[in-house]
Structure formats: C-alpha cells, structure tokens
C-alpha cells in the first residue's frame, strides 16, 4: 500500500501547535521523524535541506525551541 506523508508549511505547523489536541506533541514528533526520513532519501541538496528545516520546526514545537525568524531567513 502506498502512503504519502503531507508536508506542512511552518505557518501550518505553528497553527497546529496551538490547537487543543491532547496528542499534538506525539503528532508533531512523528512528523519530525517523517521529515528526517525523507531527508535521508532525498537526492537533491535543496530537498534535503527543506526536510531538515521542516523537521526542525516540528521539533521546536514539541520542545519549545523559541521564535523563528518571520522571514524564514537565517537557516543557511
């Protein structure tokens, strides 16, 4: 069976983190793991970077990593 994970934008991740779901941290942690797996499989350097950045957003929501730059810059 084919299953495709859904990639969320940083804004969507932040919105999900504020929703009152009891297991939101479990969900966010799973999404971070999925992004890390996708980074391992990605062939293009830009795709690898994008997956790692998204994983970082998810983990920041789980562990309270603080505010991210609003313009998305500074992740080089």
PDB file of N, CA and C in Angstrom:
ATOM      1  N   UNK A   1       0.847  -1.183   0.000  1.00  0.00           N
ATOM      2  CA  UNK A   1       0.000   0.000   0.000  1.00  0.00           C
ATOM      3  C   UNK A   1       0.886   1.238   0.000  1.00  0.00           C
ATOM      4  N   UNK A   2       0.516   2.189  -0.793  1.00  0.00           N
ATOM      5  CA  UNK A   2       1.271   3.435  -0.909  1.00  0.00           C
ATOM      6  C   UNK A   2       0.719   4.440   0.080  1.00  0.00           C
ATOM      7  N   UNK A   3       1.591   4.999   0.888  1.00  0.00           N
ATOM      8  CA  UNK A   3       1.159   6.080   1.786  1.00  0.00           C
ATOM      9  C   UNK A   3       2.072   7.269   1.573  1.00  0.00           C
ATOM     10  N   UNK A   4       1.489   8.432   1.531  1.00  0.00           N
ATOM     11  CA  UNK A   4       2.241   9.657   1.302  1.00  0.00           C
ATOM     12  C   UNK A   4       2.060  10.549   2.513  1.00  0.00           C
ATOM     13  N   UNK A   5       3.156  11.006   3.057  1.00  0.00           N
ATOM     14  CA  UNK A   5       3.053  11.945   4.162  1.00  0.00           C
ATOM     15  C   UNK A   5       2.808  13.334   3.596  1.00  0.00           C
ATOM     16  N   UNK A   6       2.149  14.151   4.369  1.00  0.00           N
ATOM     17  CA  UNK A   6       1.819  15.504   3.945  1.00  0.00           C
ATOM     18  C   UNK A   6       2.832  16.468   4.545  1.00  0.00           C
ATOM     19  N   UNK A   7       3.430  17.279   3.697  1.00  0.00           N
ATOM     20  CA  UNK A   7       4.362  18.292   4.188  1.00  0.00           C
ATOM     21  C   UNK A   7       3.574  19.553   4.522  1.00  0.00           C
ATOM     22  N   UNK A   8       3.871  20.117   5.666  1.00  0.00           N
ATOM     23  CA  UNK A   8       3.194  21.330   6.115  1.00  0.00           C
ATOM     24  C   UNK A   8       4.165  22.492   6.113  1.00  0.00           C
ATOM     25  N   UNK A   9       3.635  23.660   5.859  1.00  0.00           N
ATOM     26  CA  UNK A   9       4.455  24.872   5.925  1.00  0.00           C
ATOM     27  C   UNK A   9       4.707  25.210   7.385  1.00  0.00           C
ATOM     28  N   UNK A  10       5.743  26.019   7.660  1.00  0.00           N
ATOM     29  CA  UNK A  10       5.982  26.433   9.047  1.00  0.00           C
ATOM     30  C   UNK A  10       4.764  27.099   9.683  1.00  0.00           C
ATOM     31  N   UNK A  11       4.014  27.867   8.907  1.00  0.00           N
ATOM     32  CA  UNK A  11       2.808  28.515   9.450  1.00  0.00           C
ATOM     33  C   UNK A  11       1.769  27.470   9.862  1.00  0.00           C
ATOM     34  N   UNK A  12       1.634  26.414   9.073  1.00  0.00           N
ATOM     35  CA  UNK A  12       0.690  25.349   9.419  1.00  0.00           C
ATOM     36  C   UNK A  12       1.137  24.612  10.679  1.00  0.00           C
ATOM     37  N   UNK A  13       2.432  24.393  10.797  1.00  0.00           N
ATOM     38  CA  UNK A  13       2.959  23.729  11.993  1.00  0.00           C
ATOM     39  C   UNK A  13       2.648  24.558  13.222  1.00  0.00           C
ATOM     40  N   UNK A  14       2.867  25.872  13.126  1.00  0.00           N
ATOM     41  CA  UNK A  14       2.593  26.756  14.261  1.00  0.00           C
ATOM     42  C   UNK A  14       1.104  26.746  14.602  1.00  0.00           C
ATOM     43  N   UNK A  15       0.249  26.751  13.592  1.00  0.00           N
ATOM     44  CA  UNK A  15      -1.193  26.723  13.832  1.00  0.00           C
ATOM     45  C   UNK A  15      -1.606  25.421  14.509  1.00  0.00           C
ATOM     46  N   UNK A  16      -1.013  24.317  14.068  1.00  0.00           N
ATOM     47  CA  UNK A  16      -1.339  23.032  14.683  1.00  0.00           C
ATOM     48  C   UNK A  16      -0.882  22.974  16.129  1.00  0.00           C
ATOM     49  N   UNK A  17       0.233  23.610  16.419  1.00  0.00           N
ATOM     50  CA  UNK A  17       0.768  23.579  17.778  1.00  0.00           C
ATOM     51  C   UNK A  17      -0.148  24.305  18.751  1.00  0.00           C
ATOM     52  N   UNK A  18      -0.956  25.239  18.258  1.00  0.00           N
ATOM     53  CA  UNK A  18      -1.841  25.984  19.147  1.00  0.00           C
ATOM     54  C   UNK A  18      -3.221  25.344  19.275  1.00  0.00           C
ATOM     55  N   UNK A  19      -3.482  24.273  18.540  1.00  0.00           N
ATOM     56  CA  UNK A  19      -4.795  23.639  18.616  1.00  0.00           C
ATOM     57  C   UNK A  19      -4.869  22.737  19.849  1.00  0.00           C
ATOM     58  N   UNK A  20      -6.052  22.647  20.440  1.00  0.00           N
ATOM     59  CA  UNK A  20      -6.199  21.877  21.675  1.00  0.00           C
ATOM     60  C   UNK A  20      -6.357  20.380  21.422  1.00  0.00           C
ATOM     61  N   UNK A  21      -5.323  19.727  20.947  1.00  0.00           N
ATOM     62  CA  UNK A  21      -5.351  18.289  20.694  1.00  0.00           C
ATOM     63  C   UNK A  21      -4.469  17.621  21.738  1.00  0.00           C
ATOM     64  N   UNK A  22      -5.003  16.631  22.459  1.00  0.00           N
ATOM     65  CA  UNK A  22      -4.231  16.025  23.540  1.00  0.00           C
ATOM     66  C   UNK A  22      -2.902  15.413  23.095  1.00  0.00           C
ATOM     67  N   UNK A  23      -2.853  14.854  21.920  1.00  0.00           N
ATOM     68  CA  UNK A  23      -1.643  14.182  21.474  1.00  0.00           C
ATOM     69  C   UNK A  23      -0.894  14.979  20.409  1.00  0.00           C
ATOM     70  N   UNK A  24      -1.006  16.306  20.451  1.00  0.00           N
ATOM     71  CA  UNK A  24      -0.361  17.109  19.412  1.00  0.00           C
ATOM     72  C   UNK A  24       1.145  16.938  19.409  1.00  0.00           C
ATOM     73  N   UNK A  25       1.760  16.773  20.585  1.00  0.00           N
ATOM     74  CA  UNK A  25       3.201  16.573  20.614  1.00  0.00           C
ATOM     75  C   UNK A  25       3.595  15.253  19.968  1.00  0.00           C
ATOM     76  N   UNK A  26       2.787  14.228  20.178  1.00  0.00           N
ATOM     77  CA  UNK A  26       3.051  12.951  19.508  1.00  0.00           C
ATOM     78  C   UNK A  26       2.987  13.117  18.001  1.00  0.00           C
ATOM     79  N   UNK A  27       1.953  13.838  17.535  1.00  0.00           N
ATOM     80  CA  UNK A  27       1.810  14.067  16.098  1.00  0.00           C
ATOM     81  C   UNK A  27       3.002  14.855  15.554  1.00  0.00           C
ATOM     82  N   UNK A  28       3.359  15.943  16.225  1.00  0.00           N
ATOM     83  CA  UNK A  28       4.454  16.784  15.757  1.00  0.00           C
ATOM     84  C   UNK A  28       5.782  16.022  15.767  1.00  0.00           C
ATOM     85  N   UNK A  29       5.988  15.203  16.777  1.00  0.00           N
ATOM     86  CA  UNK A  29       7.210  14.401  16.842  1.00  0.00           C
ATOM     87  C   UNK A  29       7.257  13.389  15.698  1.00  0.00           C
ATOM     88  N   UNK A  30       6.131  12.743  15.424  1.00  0.00           N
ATOM     89  CA  UNK A  30       6.060  11.799  14.293  1.00  0.00           C
ATOM     90  C   UNK A  30       6.347  12.509  12.977  1.00  0.00           C
ATOM     91  N   UNK A  31       5.800  13.709  12.811  1.00  0.00           N
ATOM     92  CA  UNK A  31       6.041  14.459  11.575  1.00  0.00           C
ATOM     93  C   UNK A  31       7.519  14.818  11.452  1.00  0.00           C
ATOM     94  N   UNK A  32       8.155  15.169  12.553  1.00  0.00           N
ATOM     95  CA  UNK A  32       9.592  15.458  12.517  1.00  0.00           C
ATOM     96  C   UNK A  32      10.363  14.217  12.078  1.00  0.00           C
ATOM     97  N   UNK A  33      10.008  13.066  12.621  1.00  0.00           N
ATOM     98  CA  UNK A  33      10.669  11.824  12.223  1.00  0.00           C
ATOM     99  C   UNK A  33      10.469  11.541  10.738  1.00  0.00           C
ATOM    100  N   UNK A  34       9.253  11.793  10.244  1.00  0.00           N
ATOM    101  CA  UNK A  34       8.987  11.572   8.819  1.00  0.00           C
ATOM    102  C   UNK A  34       9.828  12.495   7.954  1.00  0.00           C
ATOM    103  N   UNK A  35       9.953  13.741   8.380  1.00  0.00           N
ATOM    104  CA  UNK A  35      10.774  14.680   7.615  1.00  0.00           C
ATOM    105  C   UNK A  35      12.238  14.251   7.613  1.00  0.00           C
ATOM    106  N   UNK A  36      12.727  13.749   8.738  1.00  0.00           N
ATOM    107  CA  UNK A  36      14.112  13.273   8.794  1.00  0.00           C
ATOM    108  C   UNK A  36      14.313  12.069   7.873  1.00  0.00           C
ATOM    109  N   UNK A  37      13.336  11.181   7.834  1.00  0.00           N
ATOM    110  CA  UNK A  37      13.419  10.034   6.927  1.00  0.00           C
ATOM    111  C   UNK A  37      13.428  10.497   5.467  1.00  0.00           C
ATOM    112  N   UNK A  38      12.580  11.479   5.164  1.00  0.00           N
ATOM    113  CA  UNK A  38      12.537  11.995   3.797  1.00  0.00           C
ATOM    114  C   UNK A  38      13.841  12.689   3.438  1.00  0.00           C
ATOM    115  N   UNK A  39      14.455  13.356   4.390  1.00  0.00           N
ATOM    116  CA  UNK A  39      15.748  13.997   4.138  1.00  0.00           C
ATOM    117  C   UNK A  39      16.792  12.941   3.796  1.00  0.00           C
ATOM    118  N   UNK A  40      16.744  11.810   4.472  1.00  0.00           N
ATOM    119  CA  UNK A  40      17.697  10.733   4.200  1.00  0.00           C
ATOM    120  C   UNK A  40      17.521  10.158   2.795  1.00  0.00           C
ATOM    121  N   UNK A  41      16.292  10.150   2.305  1.00  0.00           N
ATOM    122  CA  UNK A  41      16.008   9.575   0.977  1.00  0.00           C
ATOM    123  C   UNK A  41      16.159  10.583  -0.157  1.00  0.00           C
ATOM    124  N   UNK A  42      16.127  11.857   0.159  1.00  0.00           N
ATOM    125  CA  UNK A  42      16.159  12.890  -0.881  1.00  0.00           C
ATOM    126  C   UNK A  42      17.506  12.898  -1.598  1.00  0.00           C
ATOM    127  N   UNK A  43      17.452  13.151  -2.901  1.00  0.00           N
ATOM    128  CA  UNK A  43      18.667  13.169  -3.714  1.00  0.00           C
ATOM    129  C   UNK A  43      19.197  14.583  -3.927  1.00  0.00           C
ATOM    130  N   UNK A  44      18.313  15.541  -3.995  1.00  0.00           N
ATOM    131  CA  UNK A  44      18.719  16.917  -4.284  1.00  0.00           C
ATOM    132  C   UNK A  44      19.050  17.653  -2.987  1.00  0.00           C
ATOM    133  N   UNK A  45      20.180  18.362  -2.942  1.00  0.00           N
ATOM    134  CA  UNK A  45      20.572  19.072  -1.711  1.00  0.00           C
ATOM    135  C   UNK A  45      19.510  20.043  -1.189  1.00  0.00           C
ATOM    136  N   UNK A  46      18.795  20.701  -2.083  1.00  0.00           N
ATOM    137  CA  UNK A  46      17.756  21.643  -1.629  1.00  0.00           C
ATOM    138  C   UNK A  46      16.608  20.897  -0.954  1.00  0.00           C
ATOM    139  N   UNK A  47      16.273  19.724  -1.463  1.00  0.00           N
ATOM    140  CA  UNK A  47      15.211  18.922  -0.845  1.00  0.00           C
ATOM    141  C   UNK A  47      15.656  18.422   0.518  1.00  0.00           C
ATOM    142  N   UNK A  48      16.909  17.981   0.627  1.00  0.00           N
ATOM    143  CA  UNK A  48      17.449  17.530   1.913  1.00  0.00           C
ATOM    144  C   UNK A  48      17.339  18.660   2.930  1.00  0.00           C
ATOM    145  N   UNK A  49      17.774  19.844   2.547  1.00  0.00           N
ATOM    146  CA  UNK A  49      17.737  20.997   3.445  1.00  0.00           C
ATOM    147  C   UNK A  49      16.306  21.328   3.860  1.00  0.00           C
ATOM    148  N   UNK A  50      15.394  21.315   2.894  1.00  0.00           N
ATOM    149  CA  UNK A  50      13.993  21.636   3.189  1.00  0.00           C
ATOM    150  C   UNK A  50      13.415  20.663   4.213  1.00  0.00           C
ATOM    151  N   UNK A  51      13.711  19.382   4.059  1.00  0.00           N
ATOM    152  CA  UNK A  51      13.189  18.395   5.010  1.00  0.00           C
ATOM    153  C   UNK A  51      13.780  18.594   6.406  1.00  0.00           C
ATOM    154  N   UNK A  52      15.072  18.915   6.479  1.00  0.00           N
ATOM    155  CA  UNK A  52      15.683  19.164   7.781  1.00  0.00           C
ATOM    156  C   UNK A  52      15.109  20.422   8.434  1.00  0.00           C
ATOM    157  N   UNK A  53      14.856  21.453   7.647  1.00  0.00           N
ATOM    158  CA  UNK A  53      14.263  22.682   8.196  1.00  0.00           C
ATOM    159  C   UNK A  53      12.868  22.393   8.736  1.00  0.00           C
ATOM    160  N   UNK A  54      12.071  21.656   7.970  1.00  0.00           N
ATOM    161  CA  UNK A  54      10.726  21.309   8.443  1.00  0.00           C
ATOM    162  C   UNK A  54      10.787  20.455   9.703  1.00  0.00           C
ATOM    163  N   UNK A  55      11.705  19.499   9.742  1.00  0.00           N
ATOM    164  CA  UNK A  55      11.858  18.682  10.953  1.00  0.00           C
ATOM    165  C   UNK A  55      12.192  19.574  12.142  1.00  0.00           C
ATOM    166  N   UNK A  56      13.034  20.564  11.915  1.00  0.00           N
ATOM    167  CA  UNK A  56      13.380  21.497  12.980  1.00  0.00           C
ATOM    168  C   UNK A  56      12.182  22.271  13.487  1.00  0.00           C
ATOM    169  N   UNK A  57      11.319  22.704  12.588  1.00  0.00           N
ATOM    170  CA  UNK A  57      10.100  23.411  13.004  1.00  0.00           C
ATOM    171  C   UNK A  57       9.226  22.517  13.878  1.00  0.00           C
ATOM    172  N   UNK A  58       9.047  21.268  13.439  1.00  0.00           N
ATOM    173  CA  UNK A  58       8.226  20.343  14.222  1.00  0.00           C
ATOM    174  C   UNK A  58       8.833  20.125  15.609  1.00  0.00           C
ATOM    175  N   UNK A  59      10.135  19.892  15.666  1.00  0.00           N
ATOM    176  CA  UNK A  59      10.777  19.644  16.955  1.00  0.00           C
ATOM    177  C   UNK A  59      10.759  20.882  17.849  1.00  0.00           C
ATOM    178  N   UNK A  60      10.869  22.065  17.256  1.00  0.00           N
ATOM    179  CA  UNK A  60      10.752  23.288  18.045  1.00  0.00           C
ATOM    180  C   UNK A  60       9.380  23.392  18.696  1.00  0.00           C
ATOM    181  N   UNK A  61       8.358  22.954  17.993  1.00  0.00           N
ATOM    182  CA  UNK A  61       7.012  22.992  18.564  1.00  0.00           C
ATOM    183  C   UNK A  61       6.882  21.993  19.712  1.00  0.00           C
ATOM    184  N   UNK A  62       7.541  20.861  19.602  1.00  0.00           N
ATOM    185  CA  UNK A  62       7.474  19.850  20.652  1.00  0.00           C
ATOM    186  C   UNK A  62       8.270  20.281  21.879  1.00  0.00           C
ATOM    187  N   UNK A  63       9.497  20.765  21.654  1.00  0.00           N
ATOM    188  CA  UNK A  63      10.406  21.051  22.759  1.00  0.00           C
ATOM    189  C   UNK A  63      10.532  22.526  23.097  1.00  0.00           C
ATOM    190  N   UNK A  64       9.733  23.395  22.456  1.00  0.00           N
ATOM    191  CA  UNK A  64       9.753  24.812  22.780  1.00  0.00           C
ATOM    192  C   UNK A  64      11.030  25.502  22.370  1.00  0.00           C
ATOM    193  N   UNK A  65      11.379  25.394  21.097  1.00  0.00           N
ATOM    194  CA  UNK A  65      12.616  25.955  20.593  1.00  0.00           C
ATOM    195  C   UNK A  65      12.625  27.461  20.441  1.00  0.00           C
ATOM    196  N   UNK A  66      11.556  28.134  20.784  1.00  0.00           N
ATOM    197  CA  UNK A  66      11.542  29.597  20.684  1.00  0.00           C
ATOM    198  C   UNK A  66      11.050  30.074  19.342  1.00  0.00           C
ATOM    199  N   UNK A  67      11.120  31.363  19.165  1.00  0.00           N
ATOM    200  CA  UNK A  67      10.631  32.003  17.950  1.00  0.00           C
ATOM    201  C   UNK A  67      11.590  31.811  16.797  1.00  0.00           C
ATOM    202  N   UNK A  68      11.039  31.667  15.608  1.00  0.00           N
ATOM    203  CA  UNK A  68      11.809  31.577  14.381  1.00  0.00           C
ATOM    204  C   UNK A  68      11.694  32.904  13.647  1.00  0.00           C
ATOM    205  N   UNK A  69      12.658  33.245  12.821  1.00  0.00           N
ATOM    206  CA  UNK A  69      12.562  34.483  12.043  1.00  0.00           C
ATOM    207  C   UNK A  69      11.306  34.463  11.165  1.00  0.00           C
ATOM    208  N   UNK A  70      10.565  35.554  11.172  1.00  0.00           N
ATOM    209  CA  UNK A  70       9.325  35.621  10.403  1.00  0.00           C
ATOM    210  C   UNK A  70       9.571  35.520   8.909  1.00  0.00           C
ATOM    211  N   UNK A  71      10.729  35.977   8.442  1.00  0.00           N
ATOM    212  CA  UNK A  71      11.006  35.957   7.006  1.00  0.00           C
ATOM    213  C   UNK A  71      11.615  34.634   6.547  1.00  0.00           C
ATOM    214  N   UNK A  72      11.884  33.705   7.458  1.00  0.00           N
ATOM    215  CA  UNK A  72      12.449  32.414   7.095  1.00  0.00           C
ATOM    216  C   UNK A  72      13.932  32.451   6.779  1.00  0.00           C
ATOM    217  N   UNK A  73      14.571  33.603   6.936  1.00  0.00           N
ATOM    218  CA  UNK A  73      15.993  33.708   6.653  1.00  0.00           C
ATOM    219  C   UNK A  73      16.813  33.283   7.874  1.00  0.00           C
ATOM    220  N   UNK A  74      18.052  32.971   7.628  1.00  0.00           N
ATOM    221  CA  UNK A  74      18.932  32.625   8.721  1.00  0.00           C
ATOM    222  C   UNK A  74      19.088  31.146   8.948  1.00  0.00           C
ATOM    223  N   UNK A  75      18.619  30.320   8.017  1.00  0.00           N
ATOM    224  CA  UNK A  75      18.716  28.885   8.164  1.00  0.00           C
ATOM    225  C   UNK A  75      19.782  28.287   7.271  1.00  0.00           C
ATOM    226  N   UNK A  76      20.707  29.076   6.800  1.00  0.00           N
ATOM    227  CA  UNK A  76      21.752  28.556   5.906  1.00  0.00           C
ATOM    228  C   UNK A  76      22.836  27.845   6.666  1.00  0.00           C
TER     229      UNK A  76
END
